[in-house]
Amino acid sequence: MLNPIELPATPDARFDFELTASALVPTAPQLISVPTQNSTLLSWPQSAALLRLYTTTNLTAPAAWSLVDVTPVIANGQCTVQMPLTTNKTQFFRLQTP
């Protein structure tokens, strides 16, 4: 039987932890757009899954990019999002870091 480790009962005990991580994110992943009957299917490589999808309706500076609040489906090495068609609006999409 193992004896439990006893820690000193003192209010001065402190821990100093640090978590460091790094990720390799592709610099120019290909965003593919495939129109369907009622939506647009967007997909990009799973290797760029850390990037987030943003959209705007106007590319004139300064363009106001908004985060697309949809979780991509990851399957077969691809991230996929299905976007409903908007009436009378042109939509532009891009991938960027959050």
C-alpha atoms as a PDB file:
ATOM      1  CA  MET A   1       0.000   0.000   0.000  1.00  0.00           C
ATOM      2  CA  LEU A   2       1.310   3.431  -0.944  1.00  0.00           C
ATOM      3  CA  ASN A   3       1.334   6.238   1.553  1.00  0.00           C
ATOM      4  CA  PRO A   4      -0.315   9.457   0.374  1.00  0.00           C
ATOM      5  CA  ILE A   5       1.959  12.437  -0.102  1.00  0.00           C
ATOM      6  CA  GLU A   6       1.406  15.062   2.533  1.00  0.00           C
ATOM      7  CA  LEU A   7       1.793  18.690   1.513  1.00  0.00           C
ATOM      8  CA  PRO A   8       2.657  21.310   4.092  1.00  0.00           C
ATOM      9  CA  ALA A   9      -0.403  23.178   5.350  1.00  0.00           C
ATOM     10  CA  THR A  10       0.685  26.726   4.641  1.00  0.00           C
ATOM     11  CA  PRO A  11      -1.123  29.624   2.971  1.00  0.00           C
ATOM     12  CA  ASP A  12       2.158  30.580   1.304  1.00  0.00           C
ATOM     13  CA  ALA A  13       2.247  27.585  -1.047  1.00  0.00           C
ATOM     14  CA  ARG A  14       2.034  28.718  -4.677  1.00  0.00           C
ATOM     15  CA  PHE A  15       2.352  27.170  -8.083  1.00  0.00           C
ATOM     16  CA  ASP A  16       3.686  28.900 -11.165  1.00  0.00           C
ATOM     17  CA  PHE A  17       2.620  27.078 -14.328  1.00  0.00           C
ATOM     18  CA  GLU A  18       2.904  28.111 -17.951  1.00  0.00           C
ATOM     19  CA  LEU A  19       1.423  26.391 -21.000  1.00  0.00           C
ATOM     20  CA  THR A  20       3.050  27.139 -24.312  1.00  0.00           C
ATOM     21  CA  ALA A  21       1.850  25.794 -27.654  1.00  0.00           C
ATOM     22  CA  SER A  22       2.464  26.416 -31.287  1.00  0.00           C
ATOM     23  CA  ALA A  23       0.536  25.491 -34.401  1.00  0.00           C
ATOM     24  CA  LEU A  24       1.432  25.394 -38.057  1.00  0.00           C
ATOM     25  CA  VAL A  25      -1.265  27.184 -40.024  1.00  0.00           C
ATOM     26  CA  PRO A  26      -1.051  27.355 -43.815  1.00  0.00           C
ATOM     27  CA  THR A  27      -0.464  30.895 -45.061  1.00  0.00           C
ATOM     28  CA  ALA A  28      -2.746  30.685 -48.097  1.00  0.00           C
ATOM     29  CA  PRO A  29      -5.226  27.791 -47.843  1.00  0.00           C
ATOM     30  CA  GLN A  30      -7.580  27.381 -50.769  1.00  0.00           C
ATOM     31  CA  LEU A  31     -11.209  28.274 -50.006  1.00  0.00           C
ATOM     32  CA  ILE A  32     -13.505  26.490 -52.445  1.00  0.00           C
ATOM     33  CA  SER A  33     -17.052  27.700 -53.140  1.00  0.00           C
ATOM     34  CA  VAL A  34     -19.604  25.401 -54.769  1.00  0.00           C
ATOM     35  CA  PRO A  35     -23.083  26.808 -55.434  1.00  0.00           C
ATOM     36  CA  THR A  36     -26.047  24.529 -54.780  1.00  0.00           C
ATOM     37  CA  GLN A  37     -29.751  25.141 -55.310  1.00  0.00           C
ATOM     38  CA  ASN A  38     -30.397  27.048 -52.058  1.00  0.00           C
ATOM     39  CA  SER A  39     -26.939  27.564 -50.599  1.00  0.00           C
ATOM     40  CA  THR A  40     -23.223  27.834 -51.138  1.00  0.00           C
ATOM     41  CA  LEU A  41     -20.962  25.054 -49.935  1.00  0.00           C
ATOM     42  CA  LEU A  42     -17.590  26.377 -48.713  1.00  0.00           C
ATOM     43  CA  SER A  43     -14.671  24.075 -47.993  1.00  0.00           C
ATOM     44  CA  TRP A  44     -10.985  24.353 -47.110  1.00  0.00           C
ATOM     45  CA  PRO A  45      -8.238  21.938 -46.029  1.00  0.00           C
ATOM     46  CA  GLN A  46      -8.402  20.495 -42.515  1.00  0.00           C
ATOM     47  CA  SER A  47      -4.790  21.609 -42.071  1.00  0.00           C
ATOM     48  CA  ALA A  48      -6.233  25.164 -41.895  1.00  0.00           C
ATOM     49  CA  ALA A  49      -8.925  24.255 -39.346  1.00  0.00           C
ATOM     50  CA  LEU A  50      -7.545  26.821 -36.880  1.00  0.00           C
ATOM     51  CA  LEU A  51      -8.577  29.607 -39.249  1.00  0.00           C
ATOM     52  CA  ARG A  52     -12.066  31.098 -39.015  1.00  0.00           C
ATOM     53  CA  LEU A  53     -14.444  31.977 -41.834  1.00  0.00           C
ATOM     54  CA  TYR A  54     -15.357  35.649 -42.298  1.00  0.00           C
ATOM     55  CA  THR A  55     -17.778  37.321 -44.694  1.00  0.00           C
ATOM     56  CA  THR A  56     -18.535  40.760 -46.101  1.00  0.00           C
ATOM     57  CA  THR A  57     -20.886  42.136 -48.751  1.00  0.00           C
ATOM     58  CA  ASN A  58     -18.563  44.900 -49.938  1.00  0.00           C
ATOM     59  CA  LEU A  59     -14.856  44.924 -50.732  1.00  0.00           C
ATOM     60  CA  THR A  60     -14.579  48.703 -50.879  1.00  0.00           C
ATOM     61  CA  ALA A  61     -12.180  49.936 -48.214  1.00  0.00           C
ATOM     62  CA  PRO A  62     -12.684  49.754 -45.350  1.00  0.00           C
ATOM     63  CA  ALA A  63     -14.480  46.422 -45.761  1.00  0.00           C
ATOM     64  CA  ALA A  64     -16.359  45.274 -42.651  1.00  0.00           C
ATOM     65  CA  TRP A  65     -15.590  41.582 -42.216  1.00  0.00           C
ATOM     66  CA  SER A  66     -17.852  39.583 -39.874  1.00  0.00           C
ATOM     67  CA  LEU A  67     -17.167  36.202 -38.324  1.00  0.00           C
ATOM     68  CA  VAL A  68     -19.414  33.445 -39.691  1.00  0.00           C
ATOM     69  CA  ASP A  69     -20.832  31.889 -36.532  1.00  0.00           C
ATOM     70  CA  VAL A  70     -21.154  28.339 -37.888  1.00  0.00           C
ATOM     71  CA  THR A  71     -19.024  25.400 -36.783  1.00  0.00           C
ATOM     72  CA  PRO A  72     -17.486  23.687 -39.806  1.00  0.00           C
ATOM     73  CA  VAL A  73     -18.007  19.977 -40.372  1.00  0.00           C
ATOM     74  CA  ILE A  74     -14.668  18.179 -40.620  1.00  0.00           C
ATOM     75  CA  ALA A  75     -14.595  15.068 -42.799  1.00  0.00           C
ATOM     76  CA  ASN A  76     -12.240  13.526 -45.354  1.00  0.00           C
ATOM     77  CA  GLY A  77      -9.514  16.095 -44.686  1.00  0.00           C
ATOM     78  CA  GLN A  78     -11.804  19.067 -45.380  1.00  0.00           C
ATOM     79  CA  CYS A  79     -13.626  21.680 -43.309  1.00  0.00           C
ATOM     80  CA  THR A  80     -17.066  22.383 -44.792  1.00  0.00           C
ATOM     81  CA  VAL A  81     -19.716  25.032 -44.134  1.00  0.00           C
ATOM     82  CA  GLN A  82     -23.050  25.350 -45.915  1.00  0.00           C
ATOM     83  CA  MET A  83     -24.158  28.982 -46.228  1.00  0.00           C
ATOM     84  CA  PRO A  84     -27.741  29.878 -47.177  1.00  0.00           C
ATOM     85  CA  LEU A  85     -28.119  32.139 -50.191  1.00  0.00           C
ATOM     86  CA  THR A  86     -28.843  35.769 -49.416  1.00  0.00           C
ATOM     87  CA  THR A  87     -31.259  37.618 -51.675  1.00  0.00           C
ATOM     88  CA  ASN A  88     -29.980  40.621 -53.616  1.00  0.00           C
ATOM     89  CA  LYS A  89     -26.583  40.548 -51.893  1.00  0.00           C
ATOM     90  CA  THR A  90     -23.153  39.590 -53.066  1.00  0.00           C
ATOM     91  CA  GLN A  91     -21.133  37.817 -50.398  1.00  0.00           C
ATOM     92  CA  PHE A  92     -17.372  37.508 -50.151  1.00  0.00           C
ATOM     93  CA  PHE A  93     -15.614  35.036 -47.867  1.00  0.00           C
ATOM     94  CA  ARG A  94     -12.115  34.690 -46.465  1.00  0.00           C
ATOM     95  CA  LEU A  95     -10.224  32.651 -43.900  1.00  0.00           C
ATOM     96  CA  GLN A  96      -8.218  34.375 -41.190  1.00  0.00           C
ATOM     97  CA  THR A  97      -6.927  33.883 -37.685  1.00  0.00           C
ATOM     98  CA  PRO A  98      -9.450  34.693 -34.947  1.00  0.00           C
END
